[in-house]
Amino acid sequence: MAERAVSSVIQYLVPLLAHEVELLRSVHKEIVSIKAEFKRIQSFLEDAESIKFCVLFIH
């Protein structure tokens, strides 16, 4: 009886845990993507700031 109950719980939990693992992997991929996007934005802003400085310095 107890063995059957444990088996049922395991059959329920395994797919649930597998799904949670996939969700965590996709969250990690999104975080990596967002981090890369922020680096590109930061680089763009640094370039814009240096161009602005050069333009102000020349005039």
N, C-alpha and C. Protein backbone atom coordinates (compact mmCIF):
# COMPACT_ATOMS: atom_id res chain seq x y z
N MET A 1 0.82 -1.20 0.00
CA MET A 1 0.00 0.00 0.00
C MET A 1 0.86 1.26 0.00
N ALA A 2 1.79 1.34 0.96
CA ALA A 2 2.67 2.52 1.04
C ALA A 2 3.55 2.61 -0.20
N GLU A 3 3.98 1.44 -0.68
CA GLU A 3 4.83 1.42 -1.87
C GLU A 3 4.08 1.97 -3.08
N ARG A 4 2.82 1.68 -3.20
CA ARG A 4 2.01 2.17 -4.29
C ARG A 4 1.82 3.69 -4.18
N ALA A 5 1.64 4.18 -2.97
CA ALA A 5 1.48 5.61 -2.75
C ALA A 5 2.76 6.35 -3.11
N VAL A 6 3.89 5.82 -2.68
CA VAL A 6 5.18 6.45 -2.99
C VAL A 6 5.42 6.43 -4.49
N SER A 7 5.09 5.33 -5.13
CA SER A 7 5.25 5.22 -6.57
C SER A 7 4.39 6.25 -7.30
N SER A 8 3.18 6.46 -6.83
CA SER A 8 2.29 7.46 -7.44
C SER A 8 2.85 8.86 -7.28
N VAL A 9 3.36 9.14 -6.10
CA VAL A 9 3.95 10.47 -5.85
C VAL A 9 5.16 10.69 -6.75
N ILE A 10 5.99 9.67 -6.89
CA ILE A 10 7.18 9.79 -7.74
C ILE A 10 6.77 10.00 -9.19
N GLN A 11 5.77 9.28 -9.65
CA GLN A 11 5.30 9.45 -11.03
C GLN A 11 4.75 10.85 -11.26
N TYR A 12 4.22 11.46 -10.24
CA TYR A 12 3.71 12.82 -10.34
C TYR A 12 4.84 13.84 -10.28
N LEU A 13 5.79 13.62 -9.39
CA LEU A 13 6.85 14.60 -9.15
C LEU A 13 7.91 14.65 -10.25
N VAL A 14 8.24 13.54 -10.83
CA VAL A 14 9.32 13.51 -11.83
C VAL A 14 9.03 14.45 -13.01
N PRO A 15 7.88 14.37 -13.65
CA PRO A 15 7.62 15.31 -14.75
C PRO A 15 7.54 16.76 -14.26
N LEU A 16 6.98 16.95 -13.06
CA LEU A 16 6.89 18.29 -12.50
C LEU A 16 8.28 18.88 -12.29
N LEU A 17 9.19 18.10 -11.73
CA LEU A 17 10.56 18.57 -11.50
C LEU A 17 11.29 18.79 -12.82
N ALA A 18 11.06 17.93 -13.79
CA ALA A 18 11.68 18.10 -15.10
C ALA A 18 11.23 19.41 -15.74
N HIS A 19 9.95 19.72 -15.58
CA HIS A 19 9.43 20.98 -16.11
C HIS A 19 10.06 22.17 -15.40
N GLU A 20 10.22 22.09 -14.10
CA GLU A 20 10.85 23.17 -13.34
C GLU A 20 12.30 23.39 -13.78
N VAL A 21 13.00 22.31 -14.06
CA VAL A 21 14.38 22.41 -14.54
C VAL A 21 14.42 23.15 -15.87
N GLU A 22 13.52 22.82 -16.77
CA GLU A 22 13.47 23.51 -18.06
C GLU A 22 13.15 25.00 -17.89
N LEU A 23 12.25 25.32 -16.96
CA LEU A 23 11.95 26.73 -16.71
C LEU A 23 13.18 27.47 -16.19
N LEU A 24 13.90 26.85 -15.29
CA LEU A 24 15.11 27.48 -14.75
C LEU A 24 16.16 27.67 -15.84
N ARG A 25 16.28 26.71 -16.73
CA ARG A 25 17.24 26.86 -17.83
C ARG A 25 16.87 28.03 -18.73
N SER A 26 15.58 28.17 -19.01
CA SER A 26 15.17 29.26 -19.89
C SER A 26 15.34 30.61 -19.19
N VAL A 27 15.13 30.65 -17.89
CA VAL A 27 15.36 31.89 -17.14
C VAL A 27 16.85 32.25 -17.21
N HIS A 28 17.71 31.28 -17.07
CA HIS A 28 19.15 31.54 -17.14
C HIS A 28 19.52 32.09 -18.51
N LYS A 29 18.96 31.51 -19.56
CA LYS A 29 19.24 32.00 -20.92
C LYS A 29 18.77 33.44 -21.08
N GLU A 30 17.61 33.75 -20.53
CA GLU A 30 17.08 35.12 -20.61
C GLU A 30 17.98 36.10 -19.86
N ILE A 31 18.46 35.70 -18.71
CA ILE A 31 19.35 36.57 -17.92
C ILE A 31 20.64 36.83 -18.69
N VAL A 32 21.20 35.81 -19.30
CA VAL A 32 22.42 35.98 -20.10
C VAL A 32 22.15 36.93 -21.26
N SER A 33 21.00 36.78 -21.90
CA SER A 33 20.64 37.65 -23.03
C SER A 33 20.46 39.10 -22.58
N ILE A 34 19.78 39.30 -21.47
CA ILE A 34 19.56 40.66 -20.95
C ILE A 34 20.88 41.29 -20.54
N LYS A 35 21.76 40.51 -19.93
CA LYS A 35 23.08 41.02 -19.54
C LYS A 35 23.86 41.49 -20.78
N ALA A 36 23.82 40.70 -21.84
CA ALA A 36 24.51 41.07 -23.08
C ALA A 36 23.90 42.35 -23.66
N GLU A 37 22.58 42.47 -23.60
CA GLU A 37 21.93 43.67 -24.12
C GLU A 37 22.33 44.91 -23.31
N PHE A 38 22.39 44.78 -21.99
CA PHE A 38 22.83 45.90 -21.16
C PHE A 38 24.28 46.30 -21.47
N LYS A 39 25.13 45.32 -21.77
CA LYS A 39 26.52 45.64 -22.14
C LYS A 39 26.56 46.42 -23.45
N ARG A 40 25.71 46.02 -24.42
CA ARG A 40 25.65 46.75 -25.68
C ARG A 40 25.15 48.18 -25.46
N ILE A 41 24.14 48.33 -24.63
CA ILE A 41 23.61 49.67 -24.34
C ILE A 41 24.67 50.51 -23.65
N GLN A 42 25.39 49.91 -22.69
CA GLN A 42 26.43 50.65 -21.99
C GLN A 42 27.52 51.10 -22.96
N SER A 43 27.92 50.23 -23.86
CA SER A 43 28.93 50.58 -24.85
C SER A 43 28.45 51.71 -25.74
N PHE A 44 27.19 51.63 -26.17
CA PHE A 44 26.61 52.69 -27.00
C PHE A 44 26.63 54.02 -26.26
N LEU A 45 26.21 54.00 -25.00
CA LEU A 45 26.17 55.24 -24.21
C LEU A 45 27.56 55.81 -23.98
N GLU A 46 28.53 54.94 -23.76
CA GLU A 46 29.91 55.41 -23.60
C GLU A 46 30.41 56.06 -24.88
N ASP A 47 30.10 55.43 -26.03
CA ASP A 47 30.49 56.01 -27.31
C ASP A 47 29.81 57.36 -27.53
N ALA A 48 28.52 57.42 -27.23
CA ALA A 48 27.77 58.68 -27.40
C ALA A 48 28.34 59.77 -26.51
N GLU A 49 28.70 59.41 -25.29
CA GLU A 49 29.27 60.38 -24.37
C GLU A 49 30.62 60.89 -24.86
N SER A 50 31.45 59.99 -25.39
CA SER A 50 32.76 60.43 -25.88
C SER A 50 32.62 61.30 -27.12
N ILE A 51 31.65 60.99 -27.98
CA ILE A 51 31.40 61.83 -29.16
C ILE A 51 30.91 63.20 -28.73
N LYS A 52 30.00 63.24 -27.77
CA LYS A 52 29.49 64.50 -27.24
C LYS A 52 30.64 65.33 -26.67
N PHE A 53 31.54 64.69 -25.93
CA PHE A 53 32.68 65.38 -25.35
C PHE A 53 33.58 65.95 -26.45
N CYS A 54 33.83 65.15 -27.48
CA CYS A 54 34.69 65.61 -28.58
C CYS A 54 34.05 66.81 -29.28
N VAL A 55 32.76 66.75 -29.55
CA VAL A 55 32.06 67.84 -30.23
C VAL A 55 32.12 69.12 -29.38
N LEU A 56 31.89 69.00 -28.08
CA LEU A 56 31.95 70.14 -27.19
C LEU A 56 33.36 70.70 -27.08
N PHE A 57 34.33 69.82 -27.09
CA PHE A 57 35.73 70.23 -26.95
C PHE A 57 36.21 70.98 -28.20
N ILE A 58 35.75 70.52 -29.37
CA ILE A 58 36.17 71.13 -30.64
C ILE A 58 35.53 72.51 -30.80
N HIS A 59 34.30 72.67 -30.37
CA HIS A 59 33.61 73.94 -30.54
C HIS A 59 34.03 74.83 -29.44
